[in-house]
Amino acid sequence: MSDYDYDLFVIGAGSGGVRSSRMASQLGAKVAICEDLFLGGTCVNVGCVPKKLFVYGSHCHEDFEISKGYGWNVPSPTFDWPTLRDNKTQEIERLNGVYRTILSNAGVELIEGRGRIMGPHSVQVGEHTYTAERIIIAVGGWPYVPEFPGNEHVISSNDAFYLETFPSSVLVVGGGYIAVEFTGIFNGLGAKTELSYRGPLFLRGFDDDVREFLAEQMSAKGIHLNFNSQIASIEKLDNEASEKLLVTFADGSQKRFDCVMYATGRKPKTADLGLEQTQVQCASSGAILVNDEFQTHEPSIYAIGDVIDRVALTPVALAEGMALAHRLYGNQEKPVSYDNIPTAVFSQPSIGTVGLSEAQAVEKYGEVKVFVSTFKPMKLTMTEQTERTLMKLLVDAQSDKVIGCHMVGPEAGEIMQGIGIAMKAGATKADFDSTIGIHPTAAEEFVTMREVSRVVRRDVK
């Protein structure tokens, strides 16, 4: 008989926590999981799912415009923010119920409340303390807003999903994928939208052609992009005008907005978690340090998902949770590979990418063949829309292996999933060339690009 209340206690019922707890229970462990906010974590509640629902909604205006070229005459459409917001909330509440059922059916005990670690084998939730042989920390991250005069007047991406009224004008601050996605959402829903980023170009770490191409397409949609821009202060004006936030930039210029949203990163949600009562160590960023088996410096405590800040993606957290459960309770080693992870950014137009950027590919392989194609999507050829699509393949000149694939355009994420499988299997450019394309689709372009756009070589010093 175990000396503990549970074999495993999981703190945080997000993607990684739910997956690890469910799998461990099905493998025979007695498992409990605690959560103080919402089931499903960031992705289901204030991340991937509601964000993509908003992206769908924000693209409807362009769809109405496109329909004119196909003979549809739609009276001037009007947008009702409460309908979108509340329908989204209803769907999220439904998914919360699904997660509750998943845990119940798997035999996992759900304890509602904030978990605080009291020692290597104990967790306090409310007035109760529970003991467990092992503990998994899967508390995820939380939006970060820096300190500056007037930061109390801004919203985060969490807040954007529940705004009481839709803003007439919005300034989105940040250069990551969350900032880029919400800029497209606000603009598509009808707000006058600008983006401010302190660097020379957003989406640092993505392929440069992708970054530059997306900036061009977003600008063409009427979005004002302010690069090398920083906010000095924000003042809330006491008047009847709709644009009540006066933003002062570092260069002294000023603009007024109805809403300012900060998307300047997320930090691991480890505050008041009780880590100081264990040997668990954190990086300067707040991320919990773990080894290749997701074990912390406290042998009985593990961590997975965004809180370890390796690759902050929902499918990665799921894979980490699955791998850890199988190793601890299934005697199976299923290491998580972080290579060639397909990624989508639901910007407008969207991004799909897998593998290396051009700069990374040249640095690693020395000589790289680059194939690039840009074109107007077939759906838009009978319309006045000017949006274009970019497709790019990177090939190792020595082995002919495809080492990077990038796309900016409609359904980029859907297309990239299949490319990810091919690249995971080690496909060469010859394999791509010998594959028959599906016609007429945009995806077929990836198997019909024959002419090398350029060959790039690493400088030899």
Protein backbone atom coordinates (compact mmCIF):
# COMPACT_ATOMS: atom_id res chain seq x y z
CA MET A 1 0.00 0.00 0.00
CA SER A 2 1.36 3.42 -0.98
CA ASP A 3 2.39 5.86 1.74
CA TYR A 4 0.98 8.68 -0.40
CA ASP A 5 -2.53 9.85 -1.26
CA TYR A 6 -1.71 9.64 -4.95
CA ASP A 7 0.93 8.18 -7.23
CA LEU A 8 0.88 11.40 -9.26
CA PHE A 9 -0.38 14.91 -8.56
CA VAL A 10 -0.51 17.32 -11.50
CA ILE A 11 -0.67 21.09 -10.98
CA GLY A 12 -2.37 22.74 -13.93
CA ALA A 13 -5.13 21.36 -16.18
CA GLY A 14 -3.92 22.75 -19.47
CA SER A 15 -2.96 20.70 -22.51
CA GLY A 16 0.15 19.10 -21.00
CA GLY A 17 -1.36 18.57 -17.55
CA VAL A 18 -4.55 16.95 -18.82
CA ARG A 19 -2.69 14.70 -21.23
CA SER A 20 -0.09 13.51 -18.69
CA SER A 21 -2.69 12.92 -15.97
CA ARG A 22 -5.06 11.07 -18.27
CA MET A 23 -2.36 8.82 -19.72
CA ALA A 24 -0.83 8.08 -16.30
CA SER A 25 -4.25 7.10 -14.94
CA GLN A 26 -4.94 4.83 -17.89
CA LEU A 27 -1.55 3.21 -17.28
CA GLY A 28 -2.60 2.31 -13.73
CA ALA A 29 -1.51 5.25 -11.60
CA LYS A 30 -3.75 6.92 -9.02
CA VAL A 31 -3.84 10.52 -10.23
CA ALA A 32 -5.19 13.89 -9.13
CA ILE A 33 -5.02 17.20 -10.96
CA CYS A 34 -5.75 20.71 -9.66
CA GLU A 35 -6.70 23.88 -11.50
CA ASP A 36 -7.74 27.30 -10.25
CA LEU A 37 -8.83 29.00 -13.46
CA PHE A 38 -10.19 27.04 -16.42
CA LEU A 39 -9.84 23.55 -17.83
CA GLY A 40 -7.87 23.29 -21.05
CA GLY A 41 -5.34 25.97 -20.19
CA THR A 42 -4.29 28.89 -22.36
CA CYS A 43 -5.00 27.21 -25.70
CA VAL A 44 -8.64 26.40 -25.12
CA ASN A 45 -9.60 29.49 -23.14
CA VAL A 46 -7.46 32.50 -24.07
CA GLY A 47 -5.22 31.19 -26.84
CA CYS A 48 -5.35 29.03 -29.95
CA VAL A 49 -9.04 28.14 -30.03
CA PRO A 50 -10.77 31.50 -29.38
CA LYS A 51 -8.07 33.28 -31.35
CA LYS A 52 -8.74 31.20 -34.45
CA LEU A 53 -12.49 31.70 -34.04
CA PHE A 54 -11.79 35.44 -34.03
CA VAL A 55 -9.59 35.05 -37.13
CA TYR A 56 -12.44 33.33 -38.94
CA GLY A 57 -14.80 36.12 -37.91
CA SER A 58 -12.41 38.89 -38.89
CA HIS A 59 -11.90 37.45 -42.37
CA CYS A 60 -15.62 37.55 -43.21
CA HIS A 61 -15.42 41.15 -44.41
CA GLU A 62 -12.91 40.19 -47.11
CA ASP A 63 -15.03 37.16 -47.98
CA PHE A 64 -17.98 39.48 -48.62
CA GLU A 65 -15.78 41.58 -50.91
CA ILE A 66 -14.48 38.52 -52.73
CA SER A 67 -18.01 37.24 -53.31
CA LYS A 68 -18.75 40.20 -55.61
CA GLY A 69 -16.42 38.77 -58.23
CA TYR A 70 -18.45 35.57 -58.13
CA GLY A 71 -21.78 37.25 -58.75
CA TRP A 72 -23.00 37.70 -55.18
CA ASN A 73 -24.40 41.09 -54.26
CA VAL A 74 -24.36 41.38 -50.49
CA PRO A 75 -25.95 44.48 -48.89
CA SER A 76 -23.48 46.44 -46.78
CA PRO A 77 -22.73 44.01 -43.93
CA THR A 78 -22.59 45.19 -40.33
CA PHE A 79 -20.58 43.64 -37.51
CA ASP A 80 -21.95 42.97 -34.02
CA TRP A 81 -19.12 42.43 -31.52
CA PRO A 82 -21.24 40.98 -28.67
CA THR A 83 -22.47 38.19 -30.98
CA LEU A 84 -18.94 37.06 -31.86
CA ARG A 85 -17.66 37.48 -28.31
CA ASP A 86 -20.54 35.64 -26.66
CA ASN A 87 -20.73 32.82 -29.22
CA LYS A 88 -17.01 32.31 -28.68
CA THR A 89 -17.50 32.20 -24.92
CA GLN A 90 -20.29 29.67 -25.30
CA GLU A 91 -18.02 27.43 -27.37
CA ILE A 92 -15.20 27.74 -24.82
CA GLU A 93 -17.58 26.78 -22.01
CA ARG A 94 -18.59 23.72 -24.02
CA LEU A 95 -14.94 22.72 -24.41
CA ASN A 96 -14.38 23.19 -20.67
CA GLY A 97 -17.10 20.63 -20.13
CA VAL A 98 -15.44 18.28 -22.60
CA TYR A 99 -12.18 18.46 -20.67
CA ARG A 100 -14.00 17.79 -17.41
CA THR A 101 -15.55 14.69 -18.96
CA ILE A 102 -12.19 13.53 -20.34
CA LEU A 103 -10.63 13.67 -16.88
CA SER A 104 -13.60 11.95 -15.25
CA ASN A 105 -13.71 9.16 -17.82
CA ALA A 106 -9.98 8.58 -17.36
CA GLY A 107 -10.37 8.19 -13.59
CA VAL A 108 -8.45 11.37 -12.74
CA GLU A 109 -9.65 13.23 -9.65
CA LEU A 110 -10.14 16.94 -10.38
CA ILE A 111 -9.46 19.27 -7.45
CA GLU A 112 -10.46 22.87 -8.10
CA GLY A 113 -8.14 25.49 -6.63
CA ARG A 114 -4.61 26.85 -6.84
CA GLY A 115 -1.98 24.24 -6.04
CA ARG A 116 1.01 25.25 -3.93
CA ILE A 117 3.93 22.91 -3.39
CA MET A 118 4.71 22.38 0.29
CA GLY A 119 7.58 19.94 -0.18
CA PRO A 120 8.95 17.24 -2.53
CA HIS A 121 5.82 15.11 -2.08
CA SER A 122 3.04 17.45 -0.97
CA VAL A 123 0.69 19.99 -2.56
CA GLN A 124 -1.70 22.30 -0.77
CA VAL A 125 -4.98 23.26 -2.44
CA GLY A 126 -7.13 25.54 -0.32
CA GLU A 127 -7.16 24.19 3.23
CA HIS A 128 -6.21 20.66 2.23
CA THR A 129 -2.76 19.16 1.73
CA TYR A 130 -2.32 16.15 -0.54
CA THR A 131 0.68 13.86 -0.79
CA ALA A 132 1.99 12.18 -3.92
CA GLU A 133 4.94 10.07 -4.92
CA ARG A 134 5.49 12.34 -7.92
CA ILE A 135 4.38 15.86 -8.86
CA ILE A 136 4.11 17.36 -12.34
CA ILE A 137 4.10 21.15 -12.73
CA ALA A 138 2.11 22.16 -15.83
CA VAL A 139 0.93 25.65 -14.94
CA GLY A 140 1.78 27.27 -18.30
CA GLY A 141 2.48 30.96 -18.81
CA TRP A 142 0.81 34.33 -18.46
CA PRO A 143 0.93 37.55 -20.54
CA TYR A 144 3.71 39.94 -19.58
CA VAL A 145 3.27 43.72 -19.61
CA PRO A 146 6.39 45.76 -18.80
CA GLU A 147 6.44 48.55 -16.24
CA PHE A 148 6.02 52.05 -17.66
CA PRO A 149 3.87 55.11 -16.87
CA GLY A 150 0.27 54.29 -17.74
CA ASN A 151 0.62 50.54 -18.18
CA GLU A 152 -2.56 50.09 -16.12
CA HIS A 153 -4.52 51.38 -19.12
CA VAL A 154 -3.52 48.58 -21.52
CA ILE A 155 -5.07 45.17 -22.13
CA SER A 156 -3.40 41.81 -22.75
CA SER A 157 -4.39 39.10 -25.20
CA ASN A 158 -6.38 37.49 -22.35
CA ASP A 159 -8.51 40.61 -21.99
CA ALA A 160 -9.08 40.98 -25.73
CA PHE A 161 -11.40 37.98 -25.78
CA TYR A 162 -13.83 39.59 -23.33
CA LEU A 163 -13.94 43.30 -24.24
CA GLU A 164 -17.24 44.93 -23.29
CA THR A 165 -17.26 47.09 -26.40
CA PHE A 166 -15.31 46.82 -29.64
CA PRO A 167 -12.71 49.59 -30.02
CA SER A 168 -12.74 52.08 -32.87
CA SER A 169 -8.95 52.25 -33.01
CA VAL A 170 -6.30 49.90 -31.63
CA LEU A 171 -2.56 49.97 -31.10
CA VAL A 172 -1.04 46.50 -30.75
CA VAL A 173 2.40 46.51 -29.12
CA GLY A 174 4.75 43.60 -29.78
CA GLY A 175 6.51 41.71 -32.54
CA GLY A 176 5.66 38.07 -31.89
CA TYR A 177 2.98 35.90 -33.43
CA ILE A 178 0.33 36.94 -30.89
CA ALA A 179 0.80 40.61 -31.77
CA VAL A 180 0.71 39.89 -35.50
CA GLU A 181 -2.42 37.74 -35.21
CA PHE A 182 -4.39 40.23 -33.12
CA THR A 183 -3.37 43.07 -35.41
CA GLY A 184 -5.07 41.18 -38.24
CA ILE A 185 -8.09 40.38 -36.09
CA PHE A 186 -8.75 43.96 -35.00
CA ASN A 187 -8.19 45.27 -38.51
CA GLY A 188 -10.46 42.67 -40.08
CA LEU A 189 -13.25 43.40 -37.62
CA GLY A 190 -13.19 47.06 -38.58
CA ALA A 191 -10.94 48.86 -36.10
CA LYS A 192 -8.34 51.33 -37.33
CA THR A 193 -5.28 49.29 -36.38
CA GLU A 194 -1.58 49.98 -35.90
CA LEU A 195 1.28 47.83 -34.66
CA SER A 196 4.27 49.10 -32.72
CA TYR A 197 7.42 47.00 -32.35
CA ARG A 198 10.78 48.01 -30.92
CA GLY A 199 12.75 46.01 -33.52
CA PRO A 200 13.30 46.59 -37.24
CA LEU A 201 10.89 43.82 -38.30
CA PHE A 202 8.45 41.54 -36.48
CA LEU A 203 8.50 37.72 -36.11
CA ARG A 204 12.17 37.44 -35.19
CA GLY A 205 13.37 33.87 -35.77
CA PHE A 206 11.13 33.27 -38.79
CA ASP A 207 12.53 33.23 -42.31
CA ASP A 208 13.35 36.76 -43.49
CA ASP A 209 11.47 36.40 -46.78
CA VAL A 210 8.39 35.37 -44.80
CA ARG A 211 8.70 38.34 -42.43
CA GLU A 212 9.18 40.90 -45.20
CA PHE A 213 6.42 39.44 -47.38
CA LEU A 214 3.91 39.41 -44.53
CA ALA A 215 4.75 43.02 -43.66
CA GLU A 216 3.99 44.03 -47.25
CA GLN A 217 0.69 42.15 -47.29
CA MET A 218 -0.44 43.57 -43.93
CA SER A 219 0.42 47.11 -45.00
CA ALA A 220 -1.60 46.59 -48.17
CA LYS A 221 -4.62 45.80 -45.98
CA GLY A 222 -4.40 49.25 -44.40
CA ILE A 223 -2.49 48.34 -41.24
CA HIS A 224 0.11 50.89 -40.16
CA LEU A 225 3.30 49.12 -39.04
CA ASN A 226 5.60 51.10 -36.72
CA PHE A 227 8.97 49.39 -36.45
CA ASN A 228 11.88 50.63 -34.30
CA SER A 229 9.16 52.11 -32.12
CA GLN A 230 8.82 52.16 -28.35
CA ILE A 231 6.13 53.42 -25.98
CA ALA A 232 7.23 55.94 -23.34
CA SER A 233 3.90 56.48 -21.58
CA ILE A 234 0.13 56.22 -21.88
CA GLU A 235 -2.30 58.77 -20.45
CA LYS A 236 -6.04 58.29 -20.12
CA LEU A 237 -7.83 61.46 -21.21
CA ASP A 238 -10.86 62.71 -19.33
CA ASN A 239 -13.16 63.72 -22.16
CA GLU A 240 -16.08 62.45 -24.20
CA ALA A 241 -14.05 61.43 -27.23
CA SER A 242 -13.87 57.75 -28.11
CA GLU A 243 -10.07 57.74 -28.39
CA LYS A 244 -9.21 58.40 -24.75
CA LEU A 245 -5.72 56.91 -24.58
CA LEU A 246 -2.90 59.30 -25.42
CA VAL A 247 0.21 57.31 -26.34
CA THR A 248 3.58 59.06 -26.17
CA PHE A 249 6.37 57.31 -28.07
CA ALA A 250 10.06 57.38 -27.20
CA ASP A 251 10.74 59.84 -30.04
CA GLY A 252 8.29 62.33 -28.51
CA SER A 253 5.49 61.80 -31.03
CA GLN A 254 1.94 61.23 -29.78
CA LYS A 255 -1.16 59.43 -31.04
CA ARG A 256 -4.56 58.69 -29.61
CA PHE A 257 -6.24 55.28 -29.55
CA ASP A 258 -9.38 53.74 -28.18
CA CYS A 259 -7.48 50.65 -27.01
CA VAL A 260 -3.85 49.63 -26.53
CA MET A 261 -3.06 45.91 -26.40
CA TYR A 262 0.31 44.63 -25.21
CA ALA A 263 1.53 41.36 -26.67
CA THR A 264 5.12 41.57 -25.49
CA GLY A 265 5.59 37.98 -24.45
CA ARG A 266 4.48 35.52 -21.81
CA LYS A 267 6.24 34.37 -18.66
CA PRO A 268 6.01 31.03 -16.82
CA LYS A 269 3.28 31.22 -14.18
CA THR A 270 5.40 30.14 -11.21
CA ALA A 271 4.68 32.94 -8.73
CA ASP A 272 3.54 31.70 -5.32
CA LEU A 273 3.90 28.09 -6.44
CA GLY A 274 6.05 27.15 -3.44
CA LEU A 275 9.14 26.24 -5.43
CA GLU A 276 11.34 27.74 -2.72
CA GLN A 277 10.36 24.81 -0.49
CA THR A 278 12.01 22.39 -2.91
CA GLN A 279 15.23 22.05 -4.87
CA VAL A 280 13.48 23.08 -8.10
CA GLN A 281 15.51 25.68 -9.98
CA CYS A 282 14.42 28.29 -12.51
CA ALA A 283 16.17 30.17 -15.29
CA SER A 284 16.37 33.97 -15.23
CA SER A 285 13.26 34.01 -17.42
CA GLY A 286 11.34 32.14 -14.73
CA ALA A 287 11.23 28.91 -16.73
CA ILE A 288 11.61 25.76 -14.64
CA LEU A 289 14.83 23.91 -15.43
CA VAL A 290 14.41 20.23 -16.33
CA ASN A 291 16.57 17.48 -17.82
CA ASP A 292 15.79 15.48 -20.95
CA GLU A 293 13.29 13.43 -18.93
CA PHE A 294 11.44 16.58 -17.71
CA GLN A 295 12.75 16.03 -14.19
CA THR A 296 13.62 19.08 -12.08
CA HIS A 297 16.46 19.34 -9.58
CA GLU A 298 13.97 17.90 -7.08
CA PRO A 299 13.87 14.22 -8.17
CA SER A 300 10.17 13.71 -7.36
CA ILE A 301 9.02 16.82 -9.24
CA TYR A 302 8.68 17.17 -13.03
CA ALA A 303 7.60 20.00 -15.32
CA ILE A 304 6.22 20.15 -18.85
CA GLY A 305 4.69 22.61 -21.31
CA ASP A 306 5.04 26.38 -21.45
CA VAL A 307 6.39 26.55 -17.90
CA ILE A 308 9.69 25.01 -19.10
CA ASP A 309 9.75 27.42 -22.09
CA ARG A 310 11.27 25.07 -24.65
CA VAL A 311 8.75 25.28 -27.48
CA ALA A 312 5.57 27.01 -26.30
CA LEU A 313 3.10 25.20 -28.54
CA THR A 314 0.08 23.15 -27.54
CA PRO A 315 1.05 20.01 -29.54
CA VAL A 316 4.49 20.13 -27.92
CA ALA A 317 2.98 20.22 -24.42
CA LEU A 318 0.78 17.28 -25.39
CA ALA A 319 3.78 15.33 -26.67
CA GLU A 320 5.76 16.10 -23.51
CA GLY A 321 2.88 15.01 -21.29
CA MET A 322 2.45 11.79 -23.24
CA ALA A 323 6.16 10.99 -23.19
CA LEU A 324 6.48 11.60 -19.45
CA ALA A 325 3.44 9.49 -18.56
CA HIS A 326 4.67 6.58 -20.67
CA ARG A 327 8.15 6.76 -19.16
CA LEU A 328 6.95 6.95 -15.54
CA TYR A 329 4.09 4.45 -15.69
CA GLY A 330 4.35 2.53 -18.95
CA ASN A 331 8.05 1.60 -18.96
CA GLN A 332 8.30 3.09 -22.45
CA GLU A 333 10.84 5.60 -23.63
CA LYS A 334 9.24 7.91 -26.19
CA PRO A 335 11.52 10.95 -26.34
CA VAL A 336 10.09 14.17 -27.75
CA SER A 337 11.80 15.39 -30.90
CA TYR A 338 11.91 19.16 -31.24
CA ASP A 339 13.20 19.01 -34.83
CA ASN A 340 11.00 19.93 -37.77
CA ILE A 341 7.99 21.03 -35.73
CA PRO A 342 5.37 22.42 -38.16
CA THR A 343 4.18 25.85 -37.05
CA ALA A 344 1.37 28.13 -38.14
CA VAL A 345 0.80 31.81 -37.49
CA PHE A 346 -2.82 32.82 -38.06
CA SER A 347 -1.93 36.20 -39.41
CA GLN A 348 -3.77 37.57 -42.45
CA PRO A 349 -2.51 36.11 -44.73
CA SER A 350 -1.47 33.14 -42.61
CA ILE A 351 1.98 31.60 -42.23
CA GLY A 352 2.94 27.94 -42.31
CA THR A 353 6.52 26.86 -41.70
CA VAL A 354 8.56 23.76 -40.93
CA GLY A 355 12.31 23.28 -40.69
CA LEU A 356 15.03 25.89 -40.93
CA SER A 357 14.97 29.49 -42.04
CA GLU A 358 17.31 30.45 -44.86
CA ALA A 359 19.82 31.98 -42.43
CA GLN A 360 19.76 28.88 -40.21
CA ALA A 361 20.04 26.53 -43.19
CA VAL A 362 23.09 28.29 -44.62
CA GLU A 363 24.78 28.34 -41.22
CA LYS A 364 24.19 24.62 -40.71
CA TYR A 365 24.69 23.20 -44.21
CA GLY A 366 27.03 25.68 -45.91
CA GLU A 367 25.41 25.62 -49.35
CA VAL A 368 21.66 25.85 -49.84
CA LYS A 369 19.45 25.89 -52.93
CA VAL A 370 16.54 28.29 -52.55
CA PHE A 371 13.29 27.90 -54.47
CA VAL A 372 10.79 30.78 -54.25
CA SER A 373 7.42 31.33 -55.89
CA THR A 374 4.92 34.17 -55.46
CA PHE A 375 1.52 34.38 -57.11
CA LYS A 376 -2.03 35.63 -56.71
CA PRO A 377 -4.25 32.90 -55.22
CA MET A 378 -6.72 31.46 -57.73
CA LYS A 379 -9.66 32.42 -55.51
CA LEU A 380 -8.75 36.09 -55.90
CA THR A 381 -8.13 36.17 -59.65
CA MET A 382 -11.68 37.39 -60.41
CA THR A 383 -11.64 39.99 -57.64
CA GLU A 384 -10.02 43.32 -56.94
CA GLN A 385 -8.11 41.87 -53.99
CA THR A 386 -4.33 42.32 -54.27
CA GLU A 387 -3.20 39.74 -51.71
CA ARG A 388 -0.46 37.39 -52.92
CA THR A 389 0.98 34.08 -51.74
CA LEU A 390 4.62 33.21 -51.05
CA MET A 391 6.05 29.68 -51.13
CA LYS A 392 9.66 28.81 -50.38
CA LEU A 393 11.72 25.62 -50.25
CA LEU A 394 15.25 25.28 -48.86
CA VAL A 395 17.34 22.33 -50.05
CA ASP A 396 20.74 21.11 -48.87
CA ALA A 397 22.89 21.32 -52.01
CA GLN A 398 24.93 18.24 -51.04
CA SER A 399 22.26 15.74 -50.01
CA ASP A 400 19.23 17.18 -51.90
CA LYS A 401 17.28 16.94 -48.61
CA VAL A 402 14.51 19.49 -48.05
CA ILE A 403 15.53 21.31 -44.87
CA GLY A 404 13.06 24.20 -44.78
CA CYS A 405 9.62 24.95 -46.13
CA HIS A 406 7.72 28.22 -45.71
CA MET A 407 4.44 29.63 -46.93
CA VAL A 408 2.47 32.85 -46.54
CA GLY A 409 -1.05 32.56 -47.89
CA PRO A 410 -4.51 31.03 -47.43
CA GLU A 411 -4.60 27.69 -45.58
CA ALA A 412 -0.83 27.75 -45.00
CA GLY A 413 -1.16 25.81 -41.76
CA GLU A 414 -3.32 23.11 -43.34
CA ILE A 415 -0.84 22.66 -46.19
CA MET A 416 2.22 22.67 -43.94
CA GLN A 417 1.00 19.73 -41.85
CA GLY A 418 1.50 17.36 -44.78
CA ILE A 419 4.85 18.90 -45.67
CA GLY A 420 5.91 18.34 -42.06
CA ILE A 421 5.31 14.60 -42.40
CA ALA A 422 7.39 14.49 -45.58
CA MET A 423 10.27 16.37 -44.01
CA LYS A 424 10.12 14.23 -40.85
CA ALA A 425 10.53 11.22 -43.14
CA GLY A 426 13.62 12.81 -44.72
CA ALA A 427 12.18 13.71 -48.14
CA THR A 428 14.50 15.07 -50.80
CA LYS A 429 13.79 17.64 -53.48
CA ALA A 430 13.70 14.72 -55.94
CA ASP A 431 10.92 13.18 -53.85
CA PHE A 432 8.97 16.43 -54.03
CA ASP A 433 9.57 16.67 -57.80
CA SER A 434 8.37 13.11 -58.43
CA THR A 435 5.13 13.64 -56.47
CA ILE A 436 2.08 14.36 -58.60
CA GLY A 437 0.40 17.60 -57.61
CA ILE A 438 -3.29 18.09 -56.85
CA HIS A 439 -4.60 20.49 -59.48
CA PRO A 440 -5.68 23.22 -59.22
CA THR A 441 -4.46 23.94 -55.68
CA ALA A 442 -1.89 26.22 -54.15
CA ALA A 443 -0.27 23.21 -52.48
CA GLU A 444 0.80 21.74 -55.82
CA GLU A 445 3.29 24.59 -56.17
CA PHE A 446 5.51 22.81 -53.63
CA VAL A 447 5.94 19.85 -56.02
CA THR A 448 6.27 21.89 -59.23
CA MET A 449 9.02 24.36 -58.31
CA ARG A 450 11.87 23.34 -60.62
CA GLU A 451 13.94 26.48 -61.15
CA VAL A 452 16.44 27.41 -58.44
CA SER A 453 15.85 31.02 -57.39
CA ARG A 454 19.31 31.34 -55.90
CA VAL A 455 22.12 29.37 -54.28
CA VAL A 456 23.32 30.73 -50.95
CA ARG A 457 26.70 29.82 -49.42
CA ARG A 458 28.11 30.39 -45.97
CA ASP A 459 30.99 32.85 -45.81
CA VAL A 460 34.28 31.12 -45.12
CA LYS A 461 36.43 33.22 -42.80
